[in-house]
Amino acid sequence: MAVEVKDVPEAKRYEARIEGESEIAGVADYLRTTELIAFLHTEVSPRYEGKGVGSALARTALDEARAAKLRVLPTCPFFAGWIARHPEYQDLLYQSRSSVSD
Protein backbone atom coordinates (compact mmCIF):
# COMPACT_ATOMS: atom_id res chain seq x y z
CA MET A 1 0.00 0.00 0.00
CA ALA A 2 1.65 3.21 -1.19
CA VAL A 3 0.96 6.44 0.68
CA GLU A 4 1.14 9.66 -1.34
CA VAL A 5 1.74 12.87 0.64
CA LYS A 6 1.25 16.33 -0.81
CA ASP A 7 1.69 19.81 0.61
CA VAL A 8 -1.51 21.86 0.20
CA PRO A 9 -0.29 25.37 1.10
CA GLU A 10 -3.67 27.04 0.60
CA ALA A 11 -5.09 24.75 3.30
CA LYS A 12 -1.90 24.99 5.43
CA ARG A 13 -1.58 21.25 5.68
CA TYR A 14 -0.06 18.12 4.26
CA GLU A 15 -2.53 15.55 2.99
CA ALA A 16 -1.95 11.83 2.69
CA ARG A 17 -3.86 9.55 0.36
CA ILE A 18 -3.56 5.87 -0.35
CA GLU A 19 -2.54 5.32 -3.95
CA GLY A 20 -5.59 4.77 -6.10
CA GLU A 21 -8.08 6.08 -3.52
CA SER A 22 -9.69 9.53 -3.49
CA GLU A 23 -10.35 9.72 0.26
CA ILE A 24 -7.89 11.68 2.41
CA ALA A 25 -6.22 9.18 4.73
CA GLY A 26 -4.57 11.74 7.01
CA VAL A 27 -3.57 15.37 7.44
CA ALA A 28 -0.88 17.35 9.22
CA ASP A 29 -1.83 20.99 9.86
CA TYR A 30 0.92 23.60 10.06
CA LEU A 31 1.81 27.27 10.32
CA ARG A 32 4.78 28.38 8.26
CA THR A 33 7.00 31.46 8.25
CA THR A 34 10.13 32.16 6.23
CA GLU A 35 12.27 30.50 8.94
CA LEU A 36 10.00 28.07 10.76
CA ILE A 37 7.26 25.49 10.29
CA ALA A 38 5.12 24.59 13.30
CA PHE A 39 3.18 21.33 13.13
CA LEU A 40 -0.04 21.89 15.04
CA HIS A 41 -2.22 18.83 14.58
CA THR A 42 -1.99 15.46 12.87
CA GLU A 43 -4.96 13.21 12.25
CA VAL A 44 -5.23 9.85 10.51
CA SER A 45 -8.58 8.38 9.55
CA PRO A 46 -9.41 5.37 11.77
CA ARG A 47 -9.64 3.28 8.60
CA TYR A 48 -5.92 3.88 7.93
CA GLU A 49 -4.45 3.81 11.44
CA GLY A 50 -1.42 1.57 11.82
CA LYS A 51 -0.72 1.55 8.07
CA GLY A 52 2.14 4.05 7.96
CA VAL A 53 0.08 7.11 7.03
CA GLY A 54 1.25 9.19 9.99
CA SER A 55 4.88 8.24 9.39
CA ALA A 56 4.56 9.12 5.70
CA LEU A 57 3.11 12.52 6.64
CA ALA A 58 5.92 13.21 9.12
CA ARG A 59 8.75 12.00 6.90
CA THR A 60 7.57 13.95 3.83
CA ALA A 61 6.87 17.14 5.78
CA LEU A 62 10.20 17.00 7.60
CA ASP A 63 12.17 16.19 4.44
CA GLU A 64 10.56 19.19 2.76
CA ALA A 65 11.33 21.38 5.80
CA ARG A 66 14.97 20.31 5.59
CA ALA A 67 15.10 21.07 1.85
CA ALA A 68 13.62 24.53 2.50
CA LYS A 69 16.07 25.11 5.39
CA LEU A 70 13.21 25.58 7.86
CA ARG A 71 13.39 24.94 11.59
CA VAL A 72 10.63 22.72 13.00
CA LEU A 73 8.45 23.38 16.03
CA PRO A 74 6.46 20.20 16.76
CA THR A 75 3.60 21.42 18.94
CA CYS A 76 1.59 18.41 17.78
CA PRO A 77 2.23 15.43 20.10
CA PHE A 78 2.44 13.05 17.13
CA PHE A 79 5.22 15.03 15.43
CA ALA A 80 7.07 15.55 18.72
CA GLY A 81 6.98 11.82 19.44
CA TRP A 82 7.89 10.86 15.90
CA ILE A 83 10.94 13.13 15.88
CA ALA A 84 11.99 11.80 19.29
CA ARG A 85 11.97 8.27 17.81
CA HIS A 86 13.86 9.35 14.66
CA PRO A 87 17.07 11.09 15.73
CA GLU A 88 18.03 11.82 12.11
CA TYR A 89 15.42 14.62 12.21
CA GLN A 90 16.30 16.15 15.60
CA ASP A 91 18.69 18.65 14.00
CA LEU A 92 15.61 20.37 12.51
CA LEU A 93 14.13 21.25 15.89
CA TYR A 94 13.66 24.93 16.62
CA GLN A 95 15.82 26.30 19.41
CA SER A 96 14.83 29.68 20.82
CA ARG A 97 17.72 32.09 20.37
CA SER A 98 16.31 34.79 22.61
CA SER A 99 17.30 35.07 26.23
CA VAL A 100 15.53 36.77 29.06
CA SER A 101 17.61 38.77 31.49
CA ASP A 102 16.49 40.59 34.62
PDB file of N, CA and C in Angstrom:
ATOM      1  N   MET A   1       0.851  -1.173   0.000  1.00  0.00           N
ATOM      2  CA  MET A   1       0.000   0.000   0.000  1.00  0.00           C
ATOM      3  C   MET A   1       0.898   1.237   0.000  1.00  0.00           C
ATOM      4  N   ALA A   2       0.827   2.008  -1.073  1.00  0.00           N
ATOM      5  CA  ALA A   2       1.650   3.214  -1.185  1.00  0.00           C
ATOM      6  C   ALA A   2       0.875   4.425  -0.680  1.00  0.00           C
ATOM      7  N   VAL A   3       1.550   5.227   0.136  1.00  0.00           N
ATOM      8  CA  VAL A   3       0.956   6.443   0.676  1.00  0.00           C
ATOM      9  C   VAL A   3       1.563   7.619  -0.076  1.00  0.00           C
ATOM     10  N   GLU A   4       0.707   8.463  -0.628  1.00  0.00           N
ATOM     11  CA  GLU A   4       1.144   9.660  -1.336  1.00  0.00           C
ATOM     12  C   GLU A   4       0.861  10.869  -0.452  1.00  0.00           C
ATOM     13  N   VAL A   5       1.881  11.688  -0.214  1.00  0.00           N
ATOM     14  CA  VAL A   5       1.741  12.868   0.641  1.00  0.00           C
ATOM     15  C   VAL A   5       2.007  14.108  -0.201  1.00  0.00           C
ATOM     16  N   LYS A   6       1.151  15.098  -0.031  1.00  0.00           N
ATOM     17  CA  LYS A   6       1.252  16.332  -0.813  1.00  0.00           C
ATOM     18  C   LYS A   6       1.036  17.530   0.094  1.00  0.00           C
ATOM     19  N   ASP A   7       1.871  18.555  -0.089  1.00  0.00           N
ATOM     20  CA  ASP A   7       1.685  19.815   0.613  1.00  0.00           C
ATOM     21  C   ASP A   7       0.552  20.570  -0.079  1.00  0.00           C
ATOM     22  N   VAL A   8      -0.388  21.066   0.715  1.00  0.00           N
ATOM     23  CA  VAL A   8      -1.506  21.860   0.201  1.00  0.00           C
ATOM     24  C   VAL A   8      -1.420  23.217   0.904  1.00  0.00           C
ATOM     25  N   PRO A   9      -0.551  24.118   0.397  1.00  0.00           N
ATOM     26  CA  PRO A   9      -0.287  25.372   1.103  1.00  0.00           C
ATOM     27  C   PRO A   9      -1.522  26.231   1.339  1.00  0.00           C
ATOM     28  N   GLU A  10      -2.473  26.226   0.413  1.00  0.00           N
ATOM     29  CA  GLU A  10      -3.674  27.044   0.596  1.00  0.00           C
ATOM     30  C   GLU A  10      -4.518  26.567   1.772  1.00  0.00           C
ATOM     31  N   ALA A  11      -4.388  25.300   2.138  1.00  0.00           N
ATOM     32  CA  ALA A  11      -5.094  24.748   3.301  1.00  0.00           C
ATOM     33  C   ALA A  11      -4.187  24.688   4.528  1.00  0.00           C
ATOM     34  N   LYS A  12      -2.902  25.037   4.355  1.00  0.00           N
ATOM     35  CA  LYS A  12      -1.895  24.993   5.425  1.00  0.00           C
ATOM     36  C   LYS A  12      -1.826  23.606   6.058  1.00  0.00           C
ATOM     37  N   ARG A  13      -1.702  22.615   5.185  1.00  0.00           N
ATOM     38  CA  ARG A  13      -1.585  21.248   5.683  1.00  0.00           C
ATOM     39  C   ARG A  13      -0.988  20.325   4.626  1.00  0.00           C
ATOM     40  N   TYR A  14      -0.461  19.227   5.118  1.00  0.00           N
ATOM     41  CA  TYR A  14      -0.056  18.121   4.260  1.00  0.00           C
ATOM     42  C   TYR A  14      -1.207  17.133   4.266  1.00  0.00           C
ATOM     43  N   GLU A  15      -1.476  16.551   3.106  1.00  0.00           N
ATOM     44  CA  GLU A  15      -2.534  15.553   2.988  1.00  0.00           C
ATOM     45  C   GLU A  15      -1.940  14.243   2.503  1.00  0.00           C
ATOM     46  N   ALA A  16      -2.390  13.155   3.094  1.00  0.00           N
ATOM     47  CA  ALA A  16      -1.949  11.826   2.689  1.00  0.00           C
ATOM     48  C   ALA A  16      -3.130  11.070   2.090  1.00  0.00           C
ATOM     49  N   ARG A  17      -2.856  10.397   1.006  1.00  0.00           N
ATOM     50  CA  ARG A  17      -3.863   9.555   0.362  1.00  0.00           C
ATOM     51  C   ARG A  17      -3.212   8.207   0.046  1.00  0.00           C
ATOM     52  N   ILE A  18      -4.028   7.193   0.053  1.00  0.00           N
ATOM     53  CA  ILE A  18      -3.562   5.870  -0.350  1.00  0.00           C
ATOM     54  C   ILE A  18      -3.648   5.834  -1.869  1.00  0.00           C
ATOM     55  N   GLU A  19      -2.578   5.362  -2.491  1.00  0.00           N
ATOM     56  CA  GLU A  19      -2.535   5.320  -3.948  1.00  0.00           C
ATOM     57  C   GLU A  19      -3.782   4.635  -4.517  1.00  0.00           C
ATOM     58  N   GLY A  20      -4.412   5.317  -5.452  1.00  0.00           N
ATOM     59  CA  GLY A  20      -5.595   4.769  -6.100  1.00  0.00           C
ATOM     60  C   GLY A  20      -6.905   5.085  -5.410  1.00  0.00           C
ATOM     61  N   GLU A  21      -6.865   5.740  -4.251  1.00  0.00           N
ATOM     62  CA  GLU A  21      -8.084   6.085  -3.524  1.00  0.00           C
ATOM     63  C   GLU A  21      -8.222   7.601  -3.455  1.00  0.00           C
ATOM     64  N   SER A  22      -9.458   8.087  -3.495  1.00  0.00           N
ATOM     65  CA  SER A  22      -9.686   9.533  -3.489  1.00  0.00           C
ATOM     66  C   SER A  22      -9.807  10.106  -2.077  1.00  0.00           C
ATOM     67  N   GLU A  23     -10.154   9.269  -1.121  1.00  0.00           N
ATOM     68  CA  GLU A  23     -10.347   9.719   0.262  1.00  0.00           C
ATOM     69  C   GLU A  23      -9.023  10.161   0.885  1.00  0.00           C
ATOM     70  N   ILE A  24      -9.078  11.245   1.671  1.00  0.00           N
ATOM     71  CA  ILE A  24      -7.895  11.681   2.415  1.00  0.00           C
ATOM     72  C   ILE A  24      -7.704  10.722   3.592  1.00  0.00           C
ATOM     73  N   ALA A  25      -6.516  10.143   3.675  1.00  0.00           N
ATOM     74  CA  ALA A  25      -6.218   9.178   4.734  1.00  0.00           C
ATOM     75  C   ALA A  25      -5.708   9.851   6.000  1.00  0.00           C
ATOM     76  N   GLY A  26      -5.097  11.029   5.854  1.00  0.00           N
ATOM     77  CA  GLY A  26      -4.566  11.740   7.011  1.00  0.00           C
ATOM     78  C   GLY A  26      -4.126  13.137   6.632  1.00  0.00           C
ATOM     79  N   VAL A  27      -4.006  13.987   7.651  1.00  0.00           N
ATOM     80  CA  VAL A  27      -3.567  15.367   7.441  1.00  0.00           C
ATOM     81  C   VAL A  27      -2.622  15.787   8.565  1.00  0.00           C
ATOM     82  N   ALA A  28      -1.754  16.720   8.230  1.00  0.00           N
ATOM     83  CA  ALA A  28      -0.876  17.352   9.221  1.00  0.00           C
ATOM     84  C   ALA A  28      -0.990  18.856   9.001  1.00  0.00           C
ATOM     85  N   ASP A  29      -1.635  19.546   9.941  1.00  0.00           N
ATOM     86  CA  ASP A  29      -1.829  20.994   9.856  1.00  0.00           C
ATOM     87  C   ASP A  29      -0.570  21.710  10.329  1.00  0.00           C
ATOM     88  N   TYR A  30      -0.276  22.847   9.684  1.00  0.00           N
ATOM     89  CA  TYR A  30       0.921  23.596  10.056  1.00  0.00           C
ATOM     90  C   TYR A  30       0.721  25.100   9.903  1.00  0.00           C
ATOM     91  N   LEU A  31       1.617  25.830  10.552  1.00  0.00           N
ATOM     92  CA  LEU A  31       1.805  27.266  10.323  1.00  0.00           C
ATOM     93  C   LEU A  31       3.241  27.413   9.848  1.00  0.00           C
ATOM     94  N   ARG A  32       3.442  28.250   8.835  1.00  0.00           N
ATOM     95  CA  ARG A  32       4.780  28.377   8.257  1.00  0.00           C
ATOM     96  C   ARG A  32       5.166  29.844   8.123  1.00  0.00           C
ATOM     97  N   THR A  33       6.413  30.140   8.481  1.00  0.00           N
ATOM     98  CA  THR A  33       7.004  31.455   8.248  1.00  0.00           C
ATOM     99  C   THR A  33       8.198  31.249   7.318  1.00  0.00           C
ATOM    100  N   THR A  34       8.955  32.291   7.096  1.00  0.00           N
ATOM    101  CA  THR A  34      10.129  32.157   6.230  1.00  0.00           C
ATOM    102  C   THR A  34      11.242  31.342   6.882  1.00  0.00           C
ATOM    103  N   GLU A  35      11.206  31.206   8.218  1.00  0.00           N
ATOM    104  CA  GLU A  35      12.270  30.499   8.936  1.00  0.00           C
ATOM    105  C   GLU A  35      11.815  29.236   9.653  1.00  0.00           C
ATOM    106  N   LEU A  36      10.509  29.083   9.835  1.00  0.00           N
ATOM    107  CA  LEU A  36      10.001  28.065  10.758  1.00  0.00           C
ATOM    108  C   LEU A  36       8.710  27.443  10.239  1.00  0.00           C
ATOM    109  N   ILE A  37       8.544  26.152  10.514  1.00  0.00           N
ATOM    110  CA  ILE A  37       7.261  25.490  10.289  1.00  0.00           C
ATOM    111  C   ILE A  37       6.854  24.833  11.603  1.00  0.00           C
ATOM    112  N   ALA A  38       5.656  25.159  12.063  1.00  0.00           N
ATOM    113  CA  ALA A  38       5.125  24.589  13.305  1.00  0.00           C
ATOM    114  C   ALA A  38       4.037  23.592  12.932  1.00  0.00           C
ATOM    115  N   PHE A  39       4.202  22.359  13.375  1.00  0.00           N
ATOM    116  CA  PHE A  39       3.183  21.335  13.135  1.00  0.00           C
ATOM    117  C   PHE A  39       2.222  21.337  14.308  1.00  0.00           C
ATOM    118  N   LEU A  40       0.962  21.633  14.015  1.00  0.00           N
ATOM    119  CA  LEU A  40      -0.039  21.891  15.043  1.00  0.00           C
ATOM    120  C   LEU A  40      -0.913  20.690  15.382  1.00  0.00           C
ATOM    121  N   HIS A  41      -1.268  19.909  14.366  1.00  0.00           N
ATOM    122  CA  HIS A  41      -2.223  18.827  14.584  1.00  0.00           C
ATOM    123  C   HIS A  41      -2.065  17.801  13.465  1.00  0.00           C
ATOM    124  N   THR A  42      -2.054  16.552  13.846  1.00  0.00           N
ATOM    125  CA  THR A  42      -1.995  15.458  12.867  1.00  0.00           C
ATOM    126  C   THR A  42      -3.159  14.521  13.153  1.00  0.00           C
ATOM    127  N   GLU A  43      -3.817  14.115  12.093  1.00  0.00           N
ATOM    128  CA  GLU A  43      -4.957  13.213  12.251  1.00  0.00           C
ATOM    129  C   GLU A  43      -4.964  12.192  11.116  1.00  0.00           C
ATOM    130  N   VAL A  44      -5.128  10.934  11.487  1.00  0.00           N
ATOM    131  CA  VAL A  44      -5.234   9.846  10.512  1.00  0.00           C
ATOM    132  C   VAL A  44      -6.613   9.237  10.661  1.00  0.00           C
ATOM    133  N   SER A  45      -7.266   9.013   9.540  1.00  0.00           N
ATOM    134  CA  SER A  45      -8.582   8.381   9.548  1.00  0.00           C
ATOM    135  C   SER A  45      -8.481   7.015  10.231  1.00  0.00           C
ATOM    136  N   PRO A  46      -9.450   6.668  11.093  1.00  0.00           N
ATOM    137  CA  PRO A  46      -9.406   5.372  11.773  1.00  0.00           C
ATOM    138  C   PRO A  46      -9.225   4.198  10.802  1.00  0.00           C
ATOM    139  N   ARG A  47      -9.747   4.344   9.616  1.00  0.00           N
ATOM    140  CA  ARG A  47      -9.642   3.282   8.602  1.00  0.00           C
ATOM    141  C   ARG A  47      -8.181   2.999   8.224  1.00  0.00           C
ATOM    142  N   TYR A  48      -7.312   4.012   8.372  1.00  0.00           N
ATOM    143  CA  TYR A  48      -5.921   3.877   7.933  1.00  0.00           C
ATOM    144  C   TYR A  48      -4.910   3.854   9.070  1.00  0.00           C
ATOM    145  N   GLU A  49      -5.374   3.844  10.308  1.00  0.00           N
ATOM    146  CA  GLU A  49      -4.450   3.814  11.441  1.00  0.00           C
ATOM    147  C   GLU A  49      -3.598   2.553  11.403  1.00  0.00           C
ATOM    148  N   GLY A  50      -2.336   2.707  11.768  1.00  0.00           N
ATOM    149  CA  GLY A  50      -1.422   1.568  11.816  1.00  0.00           C
ATOM    150  C   GLY A  50      -0.918   1.114  10.462  1.00  0.00           C
ATOM    151  N   LYS A  51      -1.139   1.934   9.425  1.00  0.00           N
ATOM    152  CA  LYS A  51      -0.722   1.549   8.069  1.00  0.00           C
ATOM    153  C   LYS A  51       0.370   2.454   7.509  1.00  0.00           C
ATOM    154  N   GLY A  52       1.014   3.226   8.392  1.00  0.00           N
ATOM    155  CA  GLY A  52       2.137   4.047   7.961  1.00  0.00           C
ATOM    156  C   GLY A  52       1.772   5.423   7.433  1.00  0.00           C
ATOM    157  N   VAL A  53       0.510   5.804   7.548  1.00  0.00           N
ATOM    158  CA  VAL A  53       0.079   7.106   7.028  1.00  0.00           C
ATOM    159  C   VAL A  53       0.713   8.243   7.832  1.00  0.00           C
ATOM    160  N   GLY A  54       0.670   8.153   9.146  1.00  0.00           N
ATOM    161  CA  GLY A  54       1.254   9.193   9.992  1.00  0.00           C
ATOM    162  C   GLY A  54       2.750   9.320   9.760  1.00  0.00           C
ATOM    163  N   SER A  55       3.433   8.208   9.649  1.00  0.00           N
ATOM    164  CA  SER A  55       4.879   8.241   9.389  1.00  0.00           C
ATOM    165  C   SER A  55       5.181   8.854   8.033  1.00  0.00           C
ATOM    166  N   ALA A  56       4.366   8.538   7.031  1.00  0.00           N
ATOM    167  CA  ALA A  56       4.564   9.122   5.702  1.00  0.00           C
ATOM    168  C   ALA A  56       4.359  10.631   5.747  1.00  0.00           C
ATOM    169  N   LEU A  57       3.337  11.086   6.484  1.00  0.00           N
ATOM    170  CA  LEU A  57       3.107  12.521   6.645  1.00  0.00           C
ATOM    171  C   LEU A  57       4.322  13.183   7.287  1.00  0.00           C
ATOM    172  N   ALA A  58       4.787  12.616   8.393  1.00  0.00           N
ATOM    173  CA  ALA A  58       5.916  13.206   9.121  1.00  0.00           C
ATOM    174  C   ALA A  58       7.177  13.218   8.269  1.00  0.00           C
ATOM    175  N   ARG A  59       7.512  12.099   7.675  1.00  0.00           N
ATOM    176  CA  ARG A  59       8.754  12.001   6.901  1.00  0.00           C
ATOM    177  C   ARG A  59       8.742  12.986   5.727  1.00  0.00           C
ATOM    178  N   THR A  60       7.643  13.034   4.978  1.00  0.00           N
ATOM    179  CA  THR A  60       7.573  13.946   3.833  1.00  0.00           C
ATOM    180  C   THR A  60       7.659  15.393   4.283  1.00  0.00           C
ATOM    181  N   ALA A  61       6.884  15.762   5.302  1.00  0.00           N
ATOM    182  CA  ALA A  61       6.869  17.144   5.785  1.00  0.00           C
ATOM    183  C   ALA A  61       8.247  17.551   6.306  1.00  0.00           C
ATOM    184  N   LEU A  62       8.896  16.668   7.036  1.00  0.00           N
ATOM    185  CA  LEU A  62      10.204  16.998   7.601  1.00  0.00           C
ATOM    186  C   LEU A  62      11.288  17.034   6.528  1.00  0.00           C
ATOM    187  N   ASP A  63      11.209  16.141   5.551  1.00  0.00           N
ATOM    188  CA  ASP A  63      12.167  16.187   4.443  1.00  0.00           C
ATOM    189  C   ASP A  63      12.025  17.492   3.662  1.00  0.00           C
ATOM    190  N   GLU A  64      10.788  17.933   3.466  1.00  0.00           N
ATOM    191  CA  GLU A  64      10.559  19.194   2.762  1.00  0.00           C
ATOM    192  C   GLU A  64      11.015  20.389   3.607  1.00  0.00           C
ATOM    193  N   ALA A  65      10.834  20.315   4.918  1.00  0.00           N
ATOM    194  CA  ALA A  65      11.329  21.377   5.802  1.00  0.00           C
ATOM    195  C   ALA A  65      12.848  21.467   5.701  1.00  0.00           C
ATOM    196  N   ARG A  66      13.504  20.323   5.704  1.00  0.00           N
ATOM    197  CA  ARG A  66      14.967  20.308   5.592  1.00  0.00           C
ATOM    198  C   ARG A  66      15.399  20.927   4.257  1.00  0.00           C
ATOM    199  N   ALA A  67      14.747  20.545   3.176  1.00  0.00           N
ATOM    200  CA  ALA A  67      15.098  21.065   1.850  1.00  0.00           C
ATOM    201  C   ALA A  67      14.903  22.580   1.773  1.00  0.00           C
ATOM    202  N   ALA A  68      13.900  23.090   2.490  1.00  0.00           N
ATOM    203  CA  ALA A  68      13.618  24.527   2.499  1.00  0.00           C
ATOM    204  C   ALA A  68      14.408  25.269   3.575  1.00  0.00           C
ATOM    205  N   LYS A  69      15.260  24.544   4.303  1.00  0.00           N
ATOM    206  CA  LYS A  69      16.072  25.113   5.387  1.00  0.00           C
ATOM    207  C   LYS A  69      15.214  25.765   6.474  1.00  0.00           C
ATOM    208  N   LEU A  70      14.103  25.097   6.812  1.00  0.00           N
ATOM    209  CA  LEU A  70      13.206  25.577   7.863  1.00  0.00           C
ATOM    210  C   LEU A  70      13.501  24.862   9.168  1.00  0.00           C
ATOM    211  N   ARG A  71      13.359  25.557  10.272  1.00  0.00           N
ATOM    212  CA  ARG A  71      13.385  24.940  11.593  1.00  0.00           C
ATOM    213  C   ARG A  71      11.988  24.401  11.867  1.00  0.00           C
ATOM    214  N   VAL A  72      11.895  23.407  12.722  1.00  0.00           N
ATOM    215  CA  VAL A  72      10.631  22.718  13.000  1.00  0.00           C
ATOM    216  C   VAL A  72      10.251  22.892  14.465  1.00  0.00           C
ATOM    217  N   LEU A  73       9.012  23.280  14.688  1.00  0.00           N
ATOM    218  CA  LEU A  73       8.446  23.382  16.032  1.00  0.00           C
ATOM    219  C   LEU A  73       7.284  22.389  16.099  1.00  0.00           C
ATOM    220  N   PRO A  74       7.499  21.228  16.729  1.00  0.00           N
ATOM    221  CA  PRO A  74       6.464  20.197  16.762  1.00  0.00           C
ATOM    222  C   PRO A  74       5.513  20.359  17.956  1.00  0.00           C
ATOM    223  N   THR A  75       4.554  21.267  17.848  1.00  0.00           N
ATOM    224  CA  THR A  75       3.597  21.424  18.943  1.00  0.00           C
ATOM    225  C   THR A  75       2.593  20.272  18.966  1.00  0.00           C
ATOM    226  N   CYS A  76       2.454  19.589  17.866  1.00  0.00           N
ATOM    227  CA  CYS A  76       1.593  18.406  17.776  1.00  0.00           C
ATOM    228  C   CYS A  76       2.291  17.232  18.470  1.00  0.00           C
ATOM    229  N   PRO A  77       1.613  16.565  19.396  1.00  0.00           N
ATOM    230  CA  PRO A  77       2.234  15.432  20.099  1.00  0.00           C
ATOM    231  C   PRO A  77       2.718  14.321  19.155  1.00  0.00           C
ATOM    232  N   PHE A  78       1.996  14.094  18.065  1.00  0.00           N
ATOM    233  CA  PHE A  78       2.435  13.052  17.135  1.00  0.00           C
ATOM    234  C   PHE A  78       3.795  13.400  16.534  1.00  0.00           C
ATOM    235  N   PHE A  79       3.946  14.628  16.027  1.00  0.00           N
ATOM    236  CA  PHE A  79       5.221  15.034  15.427  1.00  0.00           C
ATOM    237  C   PHE A  79       6.329  15.038  16.469  1.00  0.00           C
ATOM    238  N   ALA A  80       6.050  15.526  17.662  1.00  0.00           N
ATOM    239  CA  ALA A  80       7.069  15.552  18.720  1.00  0.00           C
ATOM    240  C   ALA A  80       7.552  14.137  19.024  1.00  0.00           C
ATOM    241  N   GLY A  81       6.627  13.202  19.161  1.00  0.00           N
ATOM    242  CA  GLY A  81       6.982  11.818  19.444  1.00  0.00           C
ATOM    243  C   GLY A  81       7.717  11.162  18.292  1.00  0.00           C
ATOM    244  N   TRP A  82       7.271  11.455  17.080  1.00  0.00           N
ATOM    245  CA  TRP A  82       7.893  10.855  15.896  1.00  0.00           C
ATOM    246  C   TRP A  82       9.340  11.313  15.771  1.00  0.00           C
ATOM    247  N   ILE A  83       9.571  12.612  15.954  1.00  0.00           N
ATOM    248  CA  ILE A  83      10.935  13.129  15.879  1.00  0.00           C
ATOM    249  C   ILE A  83      11.795  12.541  17.000  1.00  0.00           C
ATOM    250  N   ALA A  84      11.235  12.386  18.175  1.00  0.00           N
ATOM    251  CA  ALA A  84      11.990  11.795  19.292  1.00  0.00           C
ATOM    252  C   ALA A  84      12.439  10.372  18.966  1.00  0.00           C
ATOM    253  N   ARG A  85      11.633   9.648  18.192  1.00  0.00           N
ATOM    254  CA  ARG A  85      11.972   8.267  17.811  1.00  0.00           C
ATOM    255  C   ARG A  85      12.848   8.188  16.560  1.00  0.00           C
ATOM    256  N   HIS A  86      13.065   9.317  15.886  1.00  0.00           N
ATOM    257  CA  HIS A  86      13.856   9.347  14.658  1.00  0.00           C
ATOM    258  C   HIS A  86      14.937  10.435  14.782  1.00  0.00           C
ATOM    259  N   PRO A  87      16.044  10.097  15.433  1.00  0.00           N
ATOM    260  CA  PRO A  87      17.074  11.092  15.729  1.00  0.00           C
ATOM    261  C   PRO A  87      17.647  11.780  14.494  1.00  0.00           C
ATOM    262  N   GLU A  88      17.506  11.187  13.323  1.00  0.00           N
ATOM    263  CA  GLU A  88      18.032  11.818  12.109  1.00  0.00           C
ATOM    264  C   GLU A  88      17.290  13.112  11.750  1.00  0.00           C
ATOM    265  N   TYR A  89      16.179  13.389  12.444  1.00  0.00           N
ATOM    266  CA  TYR A  89      15.423  14.624  12.208  1.00  0.00           C
ATOM    267  C   TYR A  89      15.551  15.625  13.361  1.00  0.00           C
ATOM    268  N   GLN A  90      16.228  15.270  14.428  1.00  0.00           N
ATOM    269  CA  GLN A  90      16.303  16.146  15.600  1.00  0.00           C
ATOM    270  C   GLN A  90      17.086  17.425  15.338  1.00  0.00           C
ATOM    271  N   ASP A  91      17.956  17.433  14.330  1.00  0.00           N
ATOM    272  CA  ASP A  91      18.688  18.653  14.004  1.00  0.00           C
ATOM    273  C   ASP A  91      17.779  19.750  13.446  1.00  0.00           C
ATOM    274  N   LEU A  92      16.559  19.399  13.051  1.00  0.00           N
ATOM    275  CA  LEU A  92      15.613  20.375  12.512  1.00  0.00           C
ATOM    276  C   LEU A  92      14.875  21.150  13.596  1.00  0.00           C
ATOM    277  N   LEU A  93      14.932  20.655  14.824  1.00  0.00           N
ATOM    278  CA  LEU A  93      14.133  21.251  15.894  1.00  0.00           C
ATOM    279  C   LEU A  93      14.514  22.701  16.153  1.00  0.00           C
ATOM    280  N   TYR A  94      13.494  23.501  16.323  1.00  0.00           N
ATOM    281  CA  TYR A  94      13.659  24.926  16.617  1.00  0.00           C
ATOM    282  C   TYR A  94      14.231  25.092  18.016  1.00  0.00           C
ATOM    283  N   GLN A  95      15.232  25.946  18.127  1.00  0.00           N
ATOM    284  CA  GLN A  95      15.823  26.297  19.415  1.00  0.00           C
ATOM    285  C   GLN A  95      15.658  27.811  19.562  1.00  0.00           C
ATOM    286  N   SER A  96      15.006  28.243  20.599  1.00  0.00           N
ATOM    287  CA  SER A  96      14.835  29.678  20.815  1.00  0.00           C
ATOM    288  C   SER A  96      16.206  30.322  20.999  1.00  0.00           C
ATOM    289  N   ARG A  97      16.439  31.399  20.274  1.00  0.00           N
ATOM    290  CA  ARG A  97      17.724  32.088  20.374  1.00  0.00           C
ATOM    291  C   ARG A  97      17.644  33.296  21.283  1.00  0.00           C
ATOM    292  N   SER A  98      16.451  33.616  21.743  1.00  0.00           N
ATOM    293  CA  SER A  98      16.312  34.787  22.613  1.00  0.00           C
ATOM    294  C   SER A  98      16.606  34.374  24.047  1.00  0.00           C
ATOM    295  N   SER A  99      17.064  35.332  24.810  1.00  0.00           N
ATOM    296  CA  SER A  99      17.296  35.072  26.225  1.00  0.00           C
ATOM    297  C   SER A  99      16.636  36.178  27.020  1.00  0.00           C
ATOM    298  N   VAL A 100      16.190  35.816  28.171  1.00  0.00           N
ATOM    299  CA  VAL A 100      15.535  36.770  29.056  1.00  0.00           C
ATOM    300  C   VAL A 100      16.501  37.094  30.179  1.00  0.00           C
ATOM    301  N   SER A 101      16.731  38.383  30.382  1.00  0.00           N
ATOM    302  CA  SER A 101      17.608  38.774  31.489  1.00  0.00           C
ATOM    303  C   SER A 101      16.872  39.765  32.373  1.00  0.00           C
ATOM    304  N   ASP A 102      17.161  39.696  33.639  1.00  0.00           N
ATOM    305  CA  ASP A 102      16.487  40.591  34.618  1.00  0.00           C
ATOM    306  C   ASP A 102      17.235  41.889  34.739  1.00  0.00           C
TER     307      ASP A 102
END
